[in-house]
Amino acid sequence: MATEFFRIIYSVNNSTDISELKRLNLPKELSMHEFKGQSHPLDELDVLITGGCGNGFIHKMQSRQVTVIATSEEEPLTAVKNYVTGKQLPPAKPHHH
């Protein structure tokens, strides 16, 4: 069974107008650890909020002009609302390979 990476894409017009645009399922070959191409679906994002990641991923996404926020917040919509309103998100749990 292939591993997939699941993302929820939100549109944020202001701190109160947040809506889910789509759900993006990426196969393993499109994970940033595996990806070798030029254009990636995550390049369309301004901010990526994740449950955890390593420094290599953060630097790779920064080079693609995507800000990465790692947090232990488990509710995606809560994480987005807190981020856009400037509320502190709880730090991510340590990342291990």
N, C-alpha and C. Protein backbone atom coordinates (compact mmCIF):
# COMPACT_ATOMS: atom_id res chain seq x y z
N MET A 1 0.84 -1.18 0.00
CA MET A 1 0.00 0.00 0.00
C MET A 1 0.89 1.25 0.00
N ALA A 2 0.63 2.17 -0.90
CA ALA A 2 1.44 3.38 -1.01
C ALA A 2 1.09 4.37 0.10
N THR A 3 2.12 5.04 0.59
CA THR A 3 1.91 6.08 1.59
C THR A 3 1.52 7.36 0.88
N GLU A 4 0.50 8.05 1.41
CA GLU A 4 0.10 9.34 0.86
C GLU A 4 0.20 10.39 1.94
N PHE A 5 0.46 11.61 1.52
CA PHE A 5 0.53 12.74 2.42
C PHE A 5 -0.66 13.63 2.14
N PHE A 6 -1.43 13.91 3.17
CA PHE A 6 -2.71 14.59 3.05
C PHE A 6 -2.58 16.04 3.51
N ARG A 7 -3.09 16.97 2.74
CA ARG A 7 -3.07 18.39 3.06
C ARG A 7 -4.46 18.99 2.87
N ILE A 8 -4.83 19.90 3.75
CA ILE A 8 -6.06 20.67 3.59
C ILE A 8 -5.62 22.07 3.19
N ILE A 9 -6.17 22.57 2.09
CA ILE A 9 -5.82 23.89 1.60
C ILE A 9 -6.95 24.86 1.98
N TYR A 10 -6.58 25.92 2.69
CA TYR A 10 -7.54 26.95 3.10
C TYR A 10 -7.28 28.24 2.35
N SER A 11 -8.34 28.99 2.13
CA SER A 11 -8.24 30.35 1.61
C SER A 11 -8.50 31.28 2.78
N VAL A 12 -7.66 32.29 2.94
CA VAL A 12 -7.82 33.25 4.03
C VAL A 12 -7.90 34.64 3.43
N ASN A 13 -9.08 35.27 3.55
CA ASN A 13 -9.24 36.63 3.05
C ASN A 13 -9.03 37.66 4.14
N ASN A 14 -9.36 37.31 5.36
CA ASN A 14 -9.05 38.09 6.55
C ASN A 14 -9.18 37.15 7.73
N SER A 15 -9.00 37.63 8.92
CA SER A 15 -8.97 36.72 10.07
C SER A 15 -10.30 36.03 10.36
N THR A 16 -11.38 36.50 9.74
CA THR A 16 -12.67 35.85 9.98
C THR A 16 -13.23 35.15 8.75
N ASP A 17 -12.62 35.34 7.59
CA ASP A 17 -13.09 34.72 6.35
C ASP A 17 -12.10 33.64 5.92
N ILE A 18 -12.25 32.47 6.54
CA ILE A 18 -11.37 31.34 6.27
C ILE A 18 -12.24 30.21 5.74
N SER A 19 -11.87 29.68 4.58
CA SER A 19 -12.68 28.60 4.02
C SER A 19 -11.77 27.51 3.43
N GLU A 20 -12.23 26.28 3.54
CA GLU A 20 -11.49 25.16 2.96
C GLU A 20 -11.68 25.18 1.46
N LEU A 21 -10.58 25.18 0.72
CA LEU A 21 -10.64 25.17 -0.75
C LEU A 21 -10.67 23.76 -1.30
N LYS A 22 -9.74 22.93 -0.81
CA LYS A 22 -9.65 21.57 -1.32
C LYS A 22 -8.79 20.74 -0.39
N ARG A 23 -8.82 19.44 -0.61
CA ARG A 23 -7.95 18.50 0.09
C ARG A 23 -7.00 17.92 -0.94
N LEU A 24 -5.76 17.91 -0.60
CA LEU A 24 -4.71 17.51 -1.53
C LEU A 24 -4.03 16.26 -0.97
N ASN A 25 -4.13 15.17 -1.71
CA ASN A 25 -3.45 13.93 -1.34
C ASN A 25 -2.23 13.77 -2.24
N LEU A 26 -1.07 13.74 -1.64
CA LEU A 26 0.17 13.62 -2.41
C LEU A 26 0.76 12.23 -2.25
N PRO A 27 1.06 11.56 -3.34
CA PRO A 27 1.74 10.26 -3.24
C PRO A 27 3.17 10.46 -2.73
N LYS A 28 3.77 9.39 -2.26
CA LYS A 28 5.11 9.46 -1.67
C LYS A 28 6.11 10.13 -2.60
N GLU A 29 6.03 9.88 -3.89
CA GLU A 29 7.00 10.48 -4.81
C GLU A 29 6.89 12.01 -4.90
N LEU A 30 5.80 12.57 -4.36
CA LEU A 30 5.68 14.03 -4.31
C LEU A 30 5.98 14.58 -2.92
N SER A 31 6.44 13.71 -1.99
CA SER A 31 6.91 14.23 -0.71
C SER A 31 8.17 15.03 -1.00
N MET A 32 8.46 16.05 -0.22
CA MET A 32 9.63 16.88 -0.50
C MET A 32 10.93 16.11 -0.33
N HIS A 33 10.92 15.02 0.43
CA HIS A 33 12.12 14.18 0.55
C HIS A 33 12.41 13.45 -0.75
N GLU A 34 11.37 13.13 -1.51
CA GLU A 34 11.50 12.34 -2.75
C GLU A 34 11.51 13.20 -4.00
N PHE A 35 10.88 14.37 -3.97
CA PHE A 35 10.62 15.19 -5.15
C PHE A 35 11.90 15.78 -5.73
N LYS A 36 12.06 15.65 -7.05
CA LYS A 36 13.25 16.17 -7.73
C LYS A 36 12.91 17.15 -8.85
N GLY A 37 11.63 17.43 -9.08
CA GLY A 37 11.23 18.28 -10.19
C GLY A 37 11.28 19.77 -9.87
N GLN A 38 10.80 20.55 -10.80
CA GLN A 38 10.80 22.01 -10.67
C GLN A 38 9.55 22.53 -9.95
N SER A 39 8.39 22.25 -10.51
CA SER A 39 7.13 22.78 -9.97
C SER A 39 6.45 21.71 -9.12
N HIS A 40 6.04 22.10 -7.94
CA HIS A 40 5.41 21.19 -6.99
C HIS A 40 4.06 21.77 -6.56
N PRO A 41 3.05 20.94 -6.29
CA PRO A 41 1.74 21.48 -5.86
C PRO A 41 1.82 22.38 -4.62
N LEU A 42 2.77 22.14 -3.73
CA LEU A 42 2.88 22.98 -2.53
C LEU A 42 3.45 24.37 -2.83
N ASP A 43 4.00 24.56 -4.02
CA ASP A 43 4.53 25.87 -4.40
C ASP A 43 3.43 26.93 -4.46
N GLU A 44 2.18 26.51 -4.57
CA GLU A 44 1.05 27.46 -4.64
C GLU A 44 0.72 28.07 -3.28
N LEU A 45 1.26 27.51 -2.21
CA LEU A 45 0.94 27.97 -0.86
C LEU A 45 1.77 29.18 -0.47
N ASP A 46 1.21 30.00 0.41
CA ASP A 46 1.96 31.08 1.05
C ASP A 46 2.52 30.59 2.38
N VAL A 47 1.69 29.83 3.11
CA VAL A 47 2.05 29.32 4.43
C VAL A 47 1.66 27.85 4.50
N LEU A 48 2.52 27.02 5.08
CA LEU A 48 2.22 25.63 5.31
C LEU A 48 2.32 25.39 6.82
N ILE A 49 1.21 24.99 7.44
CA ILE A 49 1.19 24.68 8.86
C ILE A 49 1.21 23.17 8.98
N THR A 50 2.16 22.65 9.74
CA THR A 50 2.36 21.21 9.82
C THR A 50 2.55 20.76 11.27
N GLY A 51 2.31 19.49 11.50
CA GLY A 51 2.48 18.93 12.83
C GLY A 51 3.94 18.71 13.20
N GLY A 52 4.82 18.79 12.27
CA GLY A 52 6.24 18.63 12.55
C GLY A 52 7.03 18.46 11.28
N CYS A 53 8.28 18.86 11.32
CA CYS A 53 9.15 18.74 10.16
C CYS A 53 10.58 19.03 10.60
N GLY A 54 11.50 18.70 9.74
CA GLY A 54 12.90 18.98 10.01
C GLY A 54 13.35 20.30 9.39
N ASN A 55 14.54 20.74 9.78
CA ASN A 55 15.08 21.99 9.25
C ASN A 55 15.28 21.95 7.74
N GLY A 56 15.63 20.76 7.20
CA GLY A 56 15.82 20.64 5.75
C GLY A 56 14.54 20.97 5.00
N PHE A 57 13.41 20.47 5.50
CA PHE A 57 12.12 20.76 4.86
C PHE A 57 11.81 22.26 4.95
N ILE A 58 12.05 22.85 6.11
CA ILE A 58 11.78 24.29 6.28
C ILE A 58 12.60 25.09 5.29
N HIS A 59 13.89 24.78 5.16
CA HIS A 59 14.75 25.52 4.23
C HIS A 59 14.34 25.29 2.77
N LYS A 60 13.97 24.06 2.45
CA LYS A 60 13.53 23.76 1.08
C LYS A 60 12.28 24.56 0.74
N MET A 61 11.32 24.62 1.68
CA MET A 61 10.09 25.36 1.42
C MET A 61 10.36 26.86 1.38
N GLN A 62 11.23 27.37 2.23
CA GLN A 62 11.59 28.79 2.18
C GLN A 62 12.19 29.14 0.83
N SER A 63 13.00 28.25 0.26
CA SER A 63 13.58 28.51 -1.06
C SER A 63 12.50 28.53 -2.14
N ARG A 64 11.33 27.95 -1.83
CA ARG A 64 10.20 27.94 -2.76
C ARG A 64 9.20 29.05 -2.39
N GLN A 65 9.60 29.95 -1.49
CA GLN A 65 8.80 31.08 -1.04
C GLN A 65 7.55 30.67 -0.23
N VAL A 66 7.65 29.57 0.51
CA VAL A 66 6.55 29.10 1.36
C VAL A 66 7.03 29.15 2.81
N THR A 67 6.29 29.85 3.66
CA THR A 67 6.59 29.91 5.09
C THR A 67 6.07 28.65 5.76
N VAL A 68 6.88 28.02 6.60
CA VAL A 68 6.49 26.80 7.30
C VAL A 68 6.33 27.11 8.78
N ILE A 69 5.19 26.71 9.33
CA ILE A 69 4.90 26.83 10.75
C ILE A 69 4.68 25.42 11.28
N ALA A 70 5.51 24.99 12.23
CA ALA A 70 5.35 23.67 12.83
C ALA A 70 4.68 23.84 14.20
N THR A 71 3.64 23.05 14.44
CA THR A 71 2.88 23.16 15.67
C THR A 71 2.34 21.80 16.11
N SER A 72 2.06 21.69 17.38
CA SER A 72 1.42 20.47 17.90
C SER A 72 -0.10 20.62 17.92
N GLU A 73 -0.62 21.76 17.47
CA GLU A 73 -2.08 21.93 17.38
C GLU A 73 -2.63 20.86 16.45
N GLU A 74 -3.61 20.11 16.92
CA GLU A 74 -4.13 18.98 16.13
C GLU A 74 -5.32 19.33 15.27
N GLU A 75 -5.98 20.43 15.52
CA GLU A 75 -7.13 20.85 14.71
C GLU A 75 -6.67 21.82 13.64
N PRO A 76 -6.70 21.42 12.37
CA PRO A 76 -6.19 22.30 11.30
C PRO A 76 -6.84 23.68 11.26
N LEU A 77 -8.15 23.75 11.38
CA LEU A 77 -8.82 25.05 11.30
C LEU A 77 -8.43 25.94 12.48
N THR A 78 -8.30 25.36 13.65
CA THR A 78 -7.86 26.12 14.82
C THR A 78 -6.46 26.68 14.59
N ALA A 79 -5.57 25.85 14.03
CA ALA A 79 -4.21 26.31 13.75
C ALA A 79 -4.22 27.47 12.77
N VAL A 80 -5.02 27.38 11.73
CA VAL A 80 -5.11 28.47 10.74
C VAL A 80 -5.66 29.73 11.40
N LYS A 81 -6.75 29.60 12.15
CA LYS A 81 -7.35 30.78 12.82
C LYS A 81 -6.35 31.43 13.76
N ASN A 82 -5.65 30.62 14.56
CA ASN A 82 -4.67 31.18 15.48
C ASN A 82 -3.53 31.87 14.74
N TYR A 83 -3.07 31.27 13.65
CA TYR A 83 -1.98 31.87 12.88
C TYR A 83 -2.39 33.22 12.30
N VAL A 84 -3.56 33.28 11.66
CA VAL A 84 -3.95 34.53 10.99
C VAL A 84 -4.32 35.63 11.98
N THR A 85 -4.70 35.26 13.21
CA THR A 85 -5.02 36.28 14.21
C THR A 85 -3.81 36.62 15.08
N GLY A 86 -2.67 35.97 14.82
CA GLY A 86 -1.45 36.29 15.55
C GLY A 86 -1.33 35.61 16.90
N LYS A 87 -2.22 34.66 17.18
CA LYS A 87 -2.13 33.92 18.44
C LYS A 87 -1.00 32.91 18.36
N GLN A 88 -0.33 32.73 19.48
CA GLN A 88 0.79 31.79 19.56
C GLN A 88 0.28 30.36 19.38
N LEU A 89 0.90 29.62 18.48
CA LEU A 89 0.59 28.20 18.31
C LEU A 89 1.51 27.39 19.21
N PRO A 90 1.01 26.27 19.76
CA PRO A 90 1.90 25.44 20.58
C PRO A 90 3.01 24.87 19.70
N PRO A 91 4.23 24.78 20.26
CA PRO A 91 5.33 24.27 19.44
C PRO A 91 5.11 22.82 19.02
N ALA A 92 5.73 22.46 17.92
CA ALA A 92 5.66 21.08 17.44
C ALA A 92 6.44 20.17 18.36
N LYS A 93 6.04 18.92 18.36
CA LYS A 93 6.81 17.91 19.08
C LYS A 93 8.11 17.71 18.33
N PRO A 94 9.16 17.26 19.00
CA PRO A 94 10.45 17.06 18.32
C PRO A 94 10.31 16.14 17.10
N HIS A 95 11.03 16.50 16.04
CA HIS A 95 10.98 15.73 14.80
C HIS A 95 12.13 14.75 14.75
N HIS A 96 11.79 13.48 14.51
CA HIS A 96 12.82 12.44 14.39
C HIS A 96 12.61 11.69 13.08
N HIS A 97 13.69 11.32 12.43
CA HIS A 97 13.59 10.52 11.20
C HIS A 97 13.54 9.07 11.55
